[in-house]
Amino acid sequence: ASGLPIAAFPVTGPIDIVSPGVTGILDEDLARAAMAAMGLDR
């Protein structure tokens, strides 16, 4: 709601709420997810 992209593991909760590549990045490599999420449209 604050326009903030999500970086998370692909587990229950994030996989139900986050649209990959739109509202966040889900990846077992959390650092890679965090860096990729910075480019998403707030």
Full PDB file with SEQRES, HELIX, SHEET, SSBOND, CRYST1, ORIGX, SCALE, CONECT and MASTER records, all heavy atoms in Angstrom:
SEQRES   1 A   42  ALA SER GLY LEU PRO ILE ALA ALA PHE PRO VAL THR GLY          
SEQRES   2 A   42  PRO ILE ASP ILE VAL SER PRO GLY VAL THR GLY ILE LEU          
SEQRES   3 A   42  ASP GLU ASP LEU ALA ARG ALA ALA MET ALA ALA MET GLY          
SEQRES   4 A   42  LEU ASP ARG                                                  
HELIX    1 AA1 PRO A   14  ILE A   17  1                                   4    
HELIX    2 AA2 LEU A   30  ALA A   37  1                                   8    
SHEET    1 AA1 2 ILE A   6  ALA A   8  0                                        
SHEET    2 AA1 2 GLY A  24  LEU A  26  1                                        
CRYST1    1.000    1.000    1.000  90.00  90.00  90.00 P 1           1          
ORIGX1      1.000000  0.000000  0.000000        0.00000                         
ORIGX2      0.000000  1.000000  0.000000        0.00000                         
ORIGX3      0.000000  0.000000  1.000000        0.00000                         
SCALE1      1.000000  0.000000  0.000000        0.00000                         
SCALE2      0.000000  1.000000  0.000000        0.00000                         
SCALE3      0.000000  0.000000  1.000000        0.00000                         
ATOM      1  N   ALA A   1       0.840  -1.205   0.000  1.00  0.00           N  
ATOM      2  CA  ALA A   1       0.000   0.000   0.000  1.00  0.00           C  
ATOM      3  C   ALA A   1       0.874   1.255   0.000  1.00  0.00           C  
ATOM      4  O   ALA A   1       0.466   2.308  -0.504  1.00  0.00           O  
ATOM      5  CB  ALA A   1      -0.936   0.006   1.201  1.00  0.00           C  
ATOM      6  N   SER A   2       2.079   1.145   0.538  1.00  0.00           N  
ATOM      7  CA  SER A   2       3.031   2.258   0.565  1.00  0.00           C  
ATOM      8  C   SER A   2       3.846   2.336  -0.721  1.00  0.00           C  
ATOM      9  O   SER A   2       4.748   3.177  -0.833  1.00  0.00           O  
ATOM     10  CB  SER A   2       3.971   2.099   1.761  1.00  0.00           C  
ATOM     11  OG  SER A   2       3.246   1.951   2.975  1.00  0.00           O  
ATOM     12  N   GLY A   3       3.541   1.460  -1.684  1.00  0.00           N  
ATOM     13  CA  GLY A   3       4.282   1.436  -2.940  1.00  0.00           C  
ATOM     14  C   GLY A   3       5.618   0.742  -2.843  1.00  0.00           C  
ATOM     15  O   GLY A   3       6.485   0.913  -3.701  1.00  0.00           O  
ATOM     16  N   LEU A   4       5.798  -0.071  -1.804  1.00  0.00           N  
ATOM     17  CA  LEU A   4       7.101  -0.671  -1.518  1.00  0.00           C  
ATOM     18  C   LEU A   4       7.161  -2.099  -2.078  1.00  0.00           C  
ATOM     19  O   LEU A   4       6.321  -2.940  -1.739  1.00  0.00           O  
ATOM     20  CB  LEU A   4       7.314  -0.694  -0.003  1.00  0.00           C  
ATOM     21  CG  LEU A   4       8.718  -0.902   0.547  1.00  0.00           C  
ATOM     22  CD1 LEU A   4       9.673   0.144   0.015  1.00  0.00           C  
ATOM     23  CD2 LEU A   4       8.672  -0.853   2.075  1.00  0.00           C  
ATOM     24  N   PRO A   5       8.123  -2.398  -2.940  1.00  0.00           N  
ATOM     25  CA  PRO A   5       8.239  -3.753  -3.483  1.00  0.00           C  
ATOM     26  C   PRO A   5       8.711  -4.738  -2.429  1.00  0.00           C  
ATOM     27  O   PRO A   5       9.410  -4.374  -1.480  1.00  0.00           O  
ATOM     28  CB  PRO A   5       9.275  -3.600  -4.601  1.00  0.00           C  
ATOM     29  CG  PRO A   5      10.098  -2.421  -4.191  1.00  0.00           C  
ATOM     30  CD  PRO A   5       9.152  -1.489  -3.482  1.00  0.00           C  
ATOM     31  N   ILE A   6       8.327  -6.009  -2.611  1.00  0.00           N  
ATOM     32  CA  ILE A   6       8.612  -7.056  -1.643  1.00  0.00           C  
ATOM     33  C   ILE A   6       9.733  -7.948  -2.145  1.00  0.00           C  
ATOM     34  O   ILE A   6       9.772  -8.309  -3.323  1.00  0.00           O  
ATOM     35  CB  ILE A   6       7.361  -7.935  -1.402  1.00  0.00           C  
ATOM     36  CG1 ILE A   6       6.128  -7.081  -1.077  1.00  0.00           C  
ATOM     37  CG2 ILE A   6       7.628  -8.970  -0.321  1.00  0.00           C  
ATOM     38  CD1 ILE A   6       6.230  -6.303   0.193  1.00  0.00           C  
ATOM     39  N   ALA A   7      10.621  -8.334  -1.235  1.00  0.00           N  
ATOM     40  CA  ALA A   7      11.592  -9.397  -1.485  1.00  0.00           C  
ATOM     41  C   ALA A   7      11.356 -10.469  -0.428  1.00  0.00           C  
ATOM     42  O   ALA A   7      11.386 -10.182   0.767  1.00  0.00           O  
ATOM     43  CB  ALA A   7      13.024  -8.875  -1.397  1.00  0.00           C  
ATOM     44  N   ALA A   8      11.088 -11.699  -0.883  1.00  0.00           N  
ATOM     45  CA  ALA A   8      10.745 -12.752   0.068  1.00  0.00           C  
ATOM     46  C   ALA A   8      11.074 -14.113  -0.509  1.00  0.00           C  
ATOM     47  O   ALA A   8      11.352 -14.266  -1.706  1.00  0.00           O  
ATOM     48  CB  ALA A   8       9.255 -12.681   0.421  1.00  0.00           C  
ATOM     49  N   PHE A   9      11.032 -15.120   0.359  1.00  0.00           N  
ATOM     50  CA  PHE A   9      11.175 -16.495  -0.090  1.00  0.00           C  
ATOM     51  C   PHE A   9       9.847 -16.958  -0.705  1.00  0.00           C  
ATOM     52  O   PHE A   9       8.781 -16.455  -0.337  1.00  0.00           O  
ATOM     53  CB  PHE A   9      11.542 -17.404   1.085  1.00  0.00           C  
ATOM     54  CG  PHE A   9      12.903 -17.133   1.676  1.00  0.00           C  
ATOM     55  CD1 PHE A   9      13.027 -16.673   2.982  1.00  0.00           C  
ATOM     56  CD2 PHE A   9      14.048 -17.358   0.931  1.00  0.00           C  
ATOM     57  CE1 PHE A   9      14.277 -16.435   3.541  1.00  0.00           C  
ATOM     58  CE2 PHE A   9      15.309 -17.116   1.475  1.00  0.00           C  
ATOM     59  CZ  PHE A   9      15.424 -16.652   2.775  1.00  0.00           C  
ATOM     60  N   PRO A  10       9.873 -17.929  -1.613  1.00  0.00           N  
ATOM     61  CA  PRO A  10       8.636 -18.418  -2.221  1.00  0.00           C  
ATOM     62  C   PRO A  10       7.926 -19.433  -1.317  1.00  0.00           C  
ATOM     63  O   PRO A  10       7.937 -20.646  -1.554  1.00  0.00           O  
ATOM     64  CB  PRO A  10       9.132 -19.072  -3.520  1.00  0.00           C  
ATOM     65  CG  PRO A  10      10.523 -19.500  -3.214  1.00  0.00           C  
ATOM     66  CD  PRO A  10      11.084 -18.478  -2.266  1.00  0.00           C  
ATOM     67  N   VAL A  11       7.304 -18.913  -0.255  1.00  0.00           N  
ATOM     68  CA  VAL A  11       6.648 -19.750   0.746  1.00  0.00           C  
ATOM     69  C   VAL A  11       5.255 -19.209   1.016  1.00  0.00           C  
ATOM     70  O   VAL A  11       4.868 -18.139   0.523  1.00  0.00           O  
ATOM     71  CB  VAL A  11       7.475 -19.781   2.062  1.00  0.00           C  
ATOM     72  CG1 VAL A  11       8.828 -20.443   1.845  1.00  0.00           C  
ATOM     73  CG2 VAL A  11       7.662 -18.363   2.620  1.00  0.00           C  
ATOM     74  N   THR A  12       4.470 -19.961   1.804  1.00  0.00           N  
ATOM     75  CA  THR A  12       3.120 -19.527   2.179  1.00  0.00           C  
ATOM     76  C   THR A  12       3.153 -18.111   2.723  1.00  0.00           C  
ATOM     77  O   THR A  12       4.000 -17.752   3.529  1.00  0.00           O  
ATOM     78  CB  THR A  12       2.534 -20.482   3.237  1.00  0.00           C  
ATOM     79  OG1 THR A  12       2.286 -21.757   2.627  1.00  0.00           O  
ATOM     80  CG2 THR A  12       1.230 -19.949   3.789  1.00  0.00           C  
ATOM     81  N   GLY A  13       2.192 -17.332   2.323  1.00  0.00           N  
ATOM     82  CA  GLY A  13       2.147 -15.904   2.647  1.00  0.00           C  
ATOM     83  C   GLY A  13       2.581 -15.125   1.432  1.00  0.00           C  
ATOM     84  O   GLY A  13       1.730 -14.664   0.659  1.00  0.00           O  
ATOM     85  N   PRO A  14       3.882 -14.995   1.191  1.00  0.00           N  
ATOM     86  CA  PRO A  14       4.343 -14.287  -0.006  1.00  0.00           C  
ATOM     87  C   PRO A  14       3.802 -14.857  -1.320  1.00  0.00           C  
ATOM     88  O   PRO A  14       3.407 -14.103  -2.209  1.00  0.00           O  
ATOM     89  CB  PRO A  14       5.867 -14.418   0.083  1.00  0.00           C  
ATOM     90  CG  PRO A  14       6.140 -14.488   1.544  1.00  0.00           C  
ATOM     91  CD  PRO A  14       4.996 -15.284   2.118  1.00  0.00           C  
ATOM     92  N   ILE A  15       3.749 -16.194  -1.459  1.00  0.00           N  
ATOM     93  CA  ILE A  15       3.289 -16.742  -2.738  1.00  0.00           C  
ATOM     94  C   ILE A  15       1.807 -16.485  -2.961  1.00  0.00           C  
ATOM     95  O   ILE A  15       1.325 -16.545  -4.101  1.00  0.00           O  
ATOM     96  CB  ILE A  15       3.588 -18.257  -2.877  1.00  0.00           C  
ATOM     97  CG1 ILE A  15       2.815 -19.068  -1.828  1.00  0.00           C  
ATOM     98  CG2 ILE A  15       5.074 -18.526  -2.794  1.00  0.00           C  
ATOM     99  CD1 ILE A  15       2.949 -20.575  -2.016  1.00  0.00           C  
ATOM    100  N   ASP A  16       1.075 -16.187  -1.891  1.00  0.00           N  
ATOM    101  CA  ASP A  16      -0.355 -15.915  -2.016  1.00  0.00           C  
ATOM    102  C   ASP A  16      -0.649 -14.435  -2.213  1.00  0.00           C  
ATOM    103  O   ASP A  16      -1.725 -14.081  -2.702  1.00  0.00           O  
ATOM    104  CB  ASP A  16      -1.084 -16.403  -0.753  1.00  0.00           C  
ATOM    105  CG  ASP A  16      -0.911 -17.886  -0.524  1.00  0.00           C  
ATOM    106  OD1 ASP A  16      -1.628 -18.672  -1.147  1.00  0.00           O  
ATOM    107  OD2 ASP A  16      -0.043 -18.259   0.291  1.00  0.00           O  
ATOM    108  N   ILE A  17       0.264 -13.571  -1.810  1.00  0.00           N  
ATOM    109  CA  ILE A  17       0.018 -12.128  -1.812  1.00  0.00           C  
ATOM    110  C   ILE A  17       0.808 -11.408  -2.898  1.00  0.00           C  
ATOM    111  O   ILE A  17       0.299 -10.487  -3.545  1.00  0.00           O  
ATOM    112  CB  ILE A  17       0.379 -11.538  -0.426  1.00  0.00           C  
ATOM    113  CG1 ILE A  17      -0.475 -12.182   0.668  1.00  0.00           C  
ATOM    114  CG2 ILE A  17       0.214 -10.022  -0.426  1.00  0.00           C  
ATOM    115  CD1 ILE A  17      -0.019 -11.853   2.068  1.00  0.00           C  
ATOM    116  N   VAL A  18       2.046 -11.813  -3.105  1.00  0.00           N  
ATOM    117  CA  VAL A  18       2.945 -11.109  -4.018  1.00  0.00           C  
ATOM    118  C   VAL A  18       2.754 -11.608  -5.452  1.00  0.00           C  
ATOM    119  O   VAL A  18       2.747 -12.815  -5.701  1.00  0.00           O  
ATOM    120  CB  VAL A  18       4.405 -11.298  -3.582  1.00  0.00           C  
ATOM    121  CG1 VAL A  18       5.358 -10.642  -4.574  1.00  0.00           C  
ATOM    122  CG2 VAL A  18       4.615 -10.729  -2.181  1.00  0.00           C  
ATOM    123  N   SER A  19       2.603 -10.679  -6.381  1.00  0.00           N  
ATOM    124  CA  SER A  19       2.587 -11.005  -7.807  1.00  0.00           C  
ATOM    125  C   SER A  19       4.028 -10.885  -8.308  1.00  0.00           C  
ATOM    126  O   SER A  19       4.558  -9.769  -8.410  1.00  0.00           O  
ATOM    127  CB  SER A  19       1.684 -10.042  -8.575  1.00  0.00           C  
ATOM    128  OG  SER A  19       0.349 -10.148  -8.125  1.00  0.00           O  
ATOM    129  N   PRO A  20       4.688 -12.014  -8.614  1.00  0.00           N  
ATOM    130  CA  PRO A  20       6.106 -11.966  -8.997  1.00  0.00           C  
ATOM    131  C   PRO A  20       6.346 -11.063 -10.203  1.00  0.00           C  
ATOM    132  O   PRO A  20       5.638 -11.126 -11.204  1.00  0.00           O  
ATOM    133  CB  PRO A  20       6.421 -13.429  -9.330  1.00  0.00           C  
ATOM    134  CG  PRO A  20       5.435 -14.217  -8.530  1.00  0.00           C  
ATOM    135  CD  PRO A  20       4.186 -13.399  -8.540  1.00  0.00           C  
ATOM    136  N   GLY A  21       7.334 -10.188 -10.073  1.00  0.00           N  
ATOM    137  CA  GLY A  21       7.669  -9.262 -11.142  1.00  0.00           C  
ATOM    138  C   GLY A  21       6.785  -8.037 -11.202  1.00  0.00           C  
ATOM    139  O   GLY A  21       7.040  -7.125 -11.991  1.00  0.00           O  
ATOM    140  N   VAL A  22       5.753  -8.004 -10.365  1.00  0.00           N  
ATOM    141  CA  VAL A  22       4.847  -6.846 -10.327  1.00  0.00           C  
ATOM    142  C   VAL A  22       4.917  -6.161  -8.971  1.00  0.00           C  
ATOM    143  O   VAL A  22       5.244  -4.980  -8.864  1.00  0.00           O  
ATOM    144  CB  VAL A  22       3.392  -7.260 -10.644  1.00  0.00           C  
ATOM    145  CG1 VAL A  22       2.461  -6.046 -10.567  1.00  0.00           C  
ATOM    146  CG2 VAL A  22       3.300  -7.912 -12.009  1.00  0.00           C  
ATOM    147  N   THR A  23       4.598  -6.905  -7.909  1.00  0.00           N  
ATOM    148  CA  THR A  23       4.636  -6.314  -6.567  1.00  0.00           C  
ATOM    149  C   THR A  23       5.859  -6.772  -5.772  1.00  0.00           C  
ATOM    150  O   THR A  23       6.090  -6.279  -4.670  1.00  0.00           O  
ATOM    151  CB  THR A  23       3.363  -6.664  -5.778  1.00  0.00           C  
ATOM    152  OG1 THR A  23       3.252  -8.093  -5.671  1.00  0.00           O  
ATOM    153  CG2 THR A  23       2.137  -6.105  -6.477  1.00  0.00           C  
ATOM    154  N   GLY A  24       6.603  -7.708  -6.307  1.00  0.00           N  
ATOM    155  CA  GLY A  24       7.788  -8.161  -5.592  1.00  0.00           C  
ATOM    156  C   GLY A  24       8.509  -9.266  -6.336  1.00  0.00           C  
ATOM    157  O   GLY A  24       8.096  -9.686  -7.418  1.00  0.00           O  
ATOM    158  N   ILE A  25       9.573  -9.737  -5.718  1.00  0.00           N  
ATOM    159  CA  ILE A  25      10.386 -10.825  -6.263  1.00  0.00           C  
ATOM    160  C   ILE A  25      10.489 -11.913  -5.194  1.00  0.00           C  
ATOM    161  O   ILE A  25      10.858 -11.632  -4.051  1.00  0.00           O  
ATOM    162  CB  ILE A  25      11.796 -10.355  -6.655  1.00  0.00           C  
ATOM    163  CG1 ILE A  25      11.720  -9.189  -7.649  1.00  0.00           C  
ATOM    164  CG2 ILE A  25      12.599 -11.507  -7.223  1.00  0.00           C  
ATOM    165  CD1 ILE A  25      11.127  -9.540  -8.998  1.00  0.00           C  
ATOM    166  N   LEU A  26      10.155 -13.140  -5.594  1.00  0.00           N  
ATOM    167  CA  LEU A  26      10.264 -14.288  -4.694  1.00  0.00           C  
ATOM    168  C   LEU A  26      11.407 -15.164  -5.178  1.00  0.00           C  
ATOM    169  O   LEU A  26      11.423 -15.582  -6.335  1.00  0.00           O  
ATOM    170  CB  LEU A  26       8.949 -15.076  -4.671  1.00  0.00           C  
ATOM    171  CG  LEU A  26       7.681 -14.277  -4.338  1.00  0.00           C  
ATOM    172  CD1 LEU A  26       6.465 -15.201  -4.340  1.00  0.00           C  
ATOM    173  CD2 LEU A  26       7.822 -13.569  -2.996  1.00  0.00           C  
ATOM    174  N   ASP A  27      12.342 -15.442  -4.272  1.00  0.00           N  
ATOM    175  CA  ASP A  27      13.538 -16.184  -4.691  1.00  0.00           C  
ATOM    176  C   ASP A  27      14.177 -16.793  -3.447  1.00  0.00           C  
ATOM    177  O   ASP A  27      14.167 -16.181  -2.366  1.00  0.00           O  
ATOM    178  CB  ASP A  27      14.535 -15.234  -5.374  1.00  0.00           C  
ATOM    179  CG  ASP A  27      15.580 -15.958  -6.207  1.00  0.00           C  
ATOM    180  OD1 ASP A  27      16.113 -16.983  -5.741  1.00  0.00           O  
ATOM    181  OD2 ASP A  27      15.887 -15.494  -7.323  1.00  0.00           O  
ATOM    182  N   GLU A  28      14.729 -17.996  -3.588  1.00  0.00           N  
ATOM    183  CA  GLU A  28      15.474 -18.594  -2.483  1.00  0.00           C  
ATOM    184  C   GLU A  28      16.756 -17.815  -2.201  1.00  0.00           C  
ATOM    185  O   GLU A  28      17.318 -17.907  -1.109  1.00  0.00           O  
ATOM    186  CB  GLU A  28      15.792 -20.058  -2.789  1.00  0.00           C  
ATOM    187  CG  GLU A  28      14.594 -20.989  -2.668  1.00  0.00           C  
ATOM    188  CD  GLU A  28      14.059 -21.070  -1.245  1.00  0.00           C  
ATOM    189  OE1 GLU A  28      14.835 -20.830  -0.294  1.00  0.00           O  
ATOM    190  OE2 GLU A  28      12.858 -21.366  -1.088  1.00  0.00           O  
ATOM    191  N   ASP A  29      17.228 -17.046  -3.162  1.00  0.00           N  
ATOM    192  CA  ASP A  29      18.343 -16.128  -2.960  1.00  0.00           C  
ATOM    193  C   ASP A  29      17.741 -14.768  -2.595  1.00  0.00           C  
ATOM    194  O   ASP A  29      17.337 -13.990  -3.460  1.00  0.00           O  
ATOM    195  CB  ASP A  29      19.179 -16.021  -4.229  1.00  0.00           C  
ATOM    196  CG  ASP A  29      20.443 -15.179  -4.032  1.00  0.00           C  
ATOM    197  OD1 ASP A  29      20.428 -14.264  -3.190  1.00  0.00           O  
ATOM    198  OD2 ASP A  29      21.429 -15.420  -4.745  1.00  0.00           O  
ATOM    199  N   LEU A  30      17.666 -14.484  -1.294  1.00  0.00           N  
ATOM    200  CA  LEU A  30      16.963 -13.297  -0.826  1.00  0.00           C  
ATOM    201  C   LEU A  30      17.667 -12.008  -1.249  1.00  0.00           C  
ATOM    202  O   LEU A  30      17.006 -10.993  -1.506  1.00  0.00           O  
ATOM    203  CB  LEU A  30      16.817 -13.356   0.703  1.00  0.00           C  
ATOM    204  CG  LEU A  30      15.745 -12.474   1.338  1.00  0.00           C  
ATOM    205  CD1 LEU A  30      14.372 -12.737   0.734  1.00  0.00           C  
ATOM    206  CD2 LEU A  30      15.712 -12.690   2.849  1.00  0.00           C  
ATOM    207  N   ALA A  31      18.998 -12.027  -1.339  1.00  0.00           N  
ATOM    208  CA  ALA A  31      19.729 -10.839  -1.792  1.00  0.00           C  
ATOM    209  C   ALA A  31      19.401 -10.534  -3.247  1.00  0.00           C  
ATOM    210  O   ALA A  31      19.190  -9.372  -3.622  1.00  0.00           O  
ATOM    211  CB  ALA A  31      21.229 -11.039  -1.611  1.00  0.00           C  
ATOM    212  N   ARG A  32      19.345 -11.579  -4.070  1.00  0.00           N  
ATOM    213  CA  ARG A  32      18.995 -11.379  -5.478  1.00  0.00           C  
ATOM    214  C   ARG A  32      17.575 -10.833  -5.600  1.00  0.00           C  
ATOM    215  O   ARG A  32      17.300  -9.948  -6.411  1.00  0.00           O  
ATOM    216  CB  ARG A  32      19.130 -12.698  -6.229  1.00  0.00           C  
ATOM    217  CG  ARG A  32      18.849 -12.598  -7.728  1.00  0.00           C  
ATOM    218  CD  ARG A  32      19.324 -13.839  -8.433  1.00  0.00           C  
ATOM    219  NE  ARG A  32      18.681 -15.047  -7.925  1.00  0.00           N  
ATOM    220  CZ  ARG A  32      19.133 -16.284  -8.149  1.00  0.00           C  
ATOM    221  NH1 ARG A  32      20.234 -16.468  -8.841  1.00  0.00           N  
ATOM    222  NH2 ARG A  32      18.487 -17.337  -7.662  1.00  0.00           N  
ATOM    223  N   ALA A  33      16.664 -11.337  -4.769  1.00  0.00           N  
ATOM    224  CA  ALA A  33      15.284 -10.845  -4.783  1.00  0.00           C  
ATOM    225  C   ALA A  33      15.235  -9.370  -4.390  1.00  0.00           C  
ATOM    226  O   ALA A  33      14.515  -8.570  -5.011  1.00  0.00           O  
ATOM    227  CB  ALA A  33      14.427 -11.670  -3.832  1.00  0.00           C  
ATOM    228  N   ALA A  34      15.994  -9.000  -3.366  1.00  0.00           N  
ATOM    229  CA  ALA A  34      15.978  -7.613  -2.896  1.00  0.00           C  
ATOM    230  C   ALA A  34      16.506  -6.653  -3.953  1.00  0.00           C  
ATOM    231  O   ALA A  34      15.935  -5.572  -4.165  1.00  0.00           O  
ATOM    232  CB  ALA A  34      16.802  -7.498  -1.612  1.00  0.00           C  
ATOM    233  N   MET A  35      17.564  -7.025  -4.626  1.00  0.00           N  
ATOM    234  CA  MET A  35      18.130  -6.148  -5.650  1.00  0.00           C  
ATOM    235  C   MET A  35      17.208  -6.038  -6.861  1.00  0.00           C  
ATOM    236  O   MET A  35      17.007  -4.952  -7.412  1.00  0.00           O  
ATOM    237  CB  MET A  35      19.508  -6.658  -6.072  1.00  0.00           C  
ATOM    238  CG  MET A  35      20.567  -6.597  -4.964  1.00  0.00           C  
ATOM    239  SD  MET A  35      20.787  -4.925  -4.287  1.00  0.00           S  
ATOM    240  CE  MET A  35      21.410  -4.051  -5.736  1.00  0.00           C  
ATOM    241  N   ALA A  36      16.606  -7.144  -7.262  1.00  0.00           N  
ATOM    242  CA  ALA A  36      15.702  -7.117  -8.414  1.00  0.00           C  
ATOM    243  C   ALA A  36      14.433  -6.337  -8.111  1.00  0.00           C  
ATOM    244  O   ALA A  36      13.862  -5.676  -8.991  1.00  0.00           O  
ATOM    245  CB  ALA A  36      15.356  -8.542  -8.833  1.00  0.00           C  
ATOM    246  N   ALA A  37      13.982  -6.385  -6.860  1.00  0.00           N  
ATOM    247  CA  ALA A  37      12.741  -5.700  -6.494  1.00  0.00           C  
ATOM    248  C   ALA A  37      12.857  -4.187  -6.614  1.00  0.00           C  
ATOM    249  O   ALA A  37      11.852  -3.490  -6.809  1.00  0.00           O  
ATOM    250  CB  ALA A  37      12.347  -6.083  -5.068  1.00  0.00           C  
ATOM    251  N   MET A  38      14.064  -3.656  -6.515  1.00  0.00           N  
ATOM    252  CA  MET A  38      14.241  -2.207  -6.564  1.00  0.00           C  
ATOM    253  C   MET A  38      13.776  -1.602  -7.890  1.00  0.00           C  
ATOM    254  O   MET A  38      13.433  -0.422  -7.952  1.00  0.00           O  
ATOM    255  CB  MET A  38      15.720  -1.847  -6.336  1.00  0.00           C  
ATOM    256  CG  MET A  38      16.205  -2.143  -4.937  1.00  0.00           C  
ATOM    257  SD  MET A  38      17.916  -1.615  -4.663  1.00  0.00           S  
ATOM    258  CE  MET A  38      17.749   0.157  -4.735  1.00  0.00           C  
ATOM    259  N   GLY A  39      13.724  -2.406  -8.934  1.00  0.00           N  
ATOM    260  CA  GLY A  39      13.344  -1.875 -10.236  1.00  0.00           C  
ATOM    261  C   GLY A  39      11.859  -1.919 -10.533  1.00  0.00           C  
ATOM    262  O   GLY A  39      11.444  -1.528 -11.641  1.00  0.00           O  
ATOM    263  N   LEU A  40      11.041  -2.369  -9.605  1.00  0.00           N  
ATOM    264  CA  LEU A  40       9.609  -2.514  -9.859  1.00  0.00           C  
ATOM    265  C   LEU A  40       8.870  -1.184  -9.756  1.00  0.00           C  
ATOM    266  O   LEU A  40       9.307  -0.254  -9.059  1.00  0.00           O  
ATOM    267  CB  LEU A  40       9.006  -3.533  -8.888  1.00  0.00           C  
ATOM    268  CG  LEU A  40       9.583  -4.956  -9.006  1.00  0.00           C  
ATOM    269  CD1 LEU A  40       8.916  -5.880  -7.995  1.00  0.00           C  
ATOM    270  CD2 LEU A  40       9.420  -5.504 -10.418  1.00  0.00           C  
ATOM    271  N   ASP A  41       7.739  -1.099 -10.444  1.00  0.00           N  
ATOM    272  CA  ASP A  41       6.927   0.118 -10.527  1.00  0.00           C  
ATOM    273  C   ASP A  41       6.103   0.295  -9.256  1.00  0.00           C  
ATOM    274  O   ASP A  41       5.180  -0.480  -8.975  1.00  0.00           O  
ATOM    275  CB  ASP A  41       6.002   0.019 -11.745  1.00  0.00           C  
ATOM    276  CG  ASP A  41       5.210   1.294 -11.999  1.00  0.00           C  
ATOM    277  OD1 ASP A  41       4.994   2.068 -11.042  1.00  0.00           O  
ATOM    278  OD2 ASP A  41       4.789   1.498 -13.150  1.00  0.00           O  
ATOM    279  N   ARG A  42       6.414   1.334  -8.485  1.00  0.00           N  
ATOM    280  CA  ARG A  42       5.742   1.534  -7.196  1.00  0.00           C  
ATOM    281  C   ARG A  42       4.262   1.889  -7.367  1.00  0.00           C  
ATOM    282  O   ARG A  42       3.442   1.584  -6.491  1.00  0.00           O  
ATOM    283  CB  ARG A  42       6.485   2.599  -6.387  1.00  0.00           C  
ATOM    284  CG  ARG A  42       7.892   2.152  -6.004  1.00  0.00           C  
ATOM    285  CD  ARG A  42       8.655   3.226  -5.248  1.00  0.00           C  
ATOM    286  NE  ARG A  42       8.175   3.385  -3.892  1.00  0.00           N  
ATOM    287  CZ  ARG A  42       8.926   3.213  -2.810  1.00  0.00           C  
ATOM    288  NH1 ARG A  42      10.181   2.829  -2.931  1.00  0.00           N  
ATOM    289  NH2 ARG A  42       8.432   3.406  -1.613  1.00  0.00           N  
TER     290      ARG A  42                                                      
MASTER        0    0    0    2    2    0    0    6  289    1    0    4          
END                                                                             
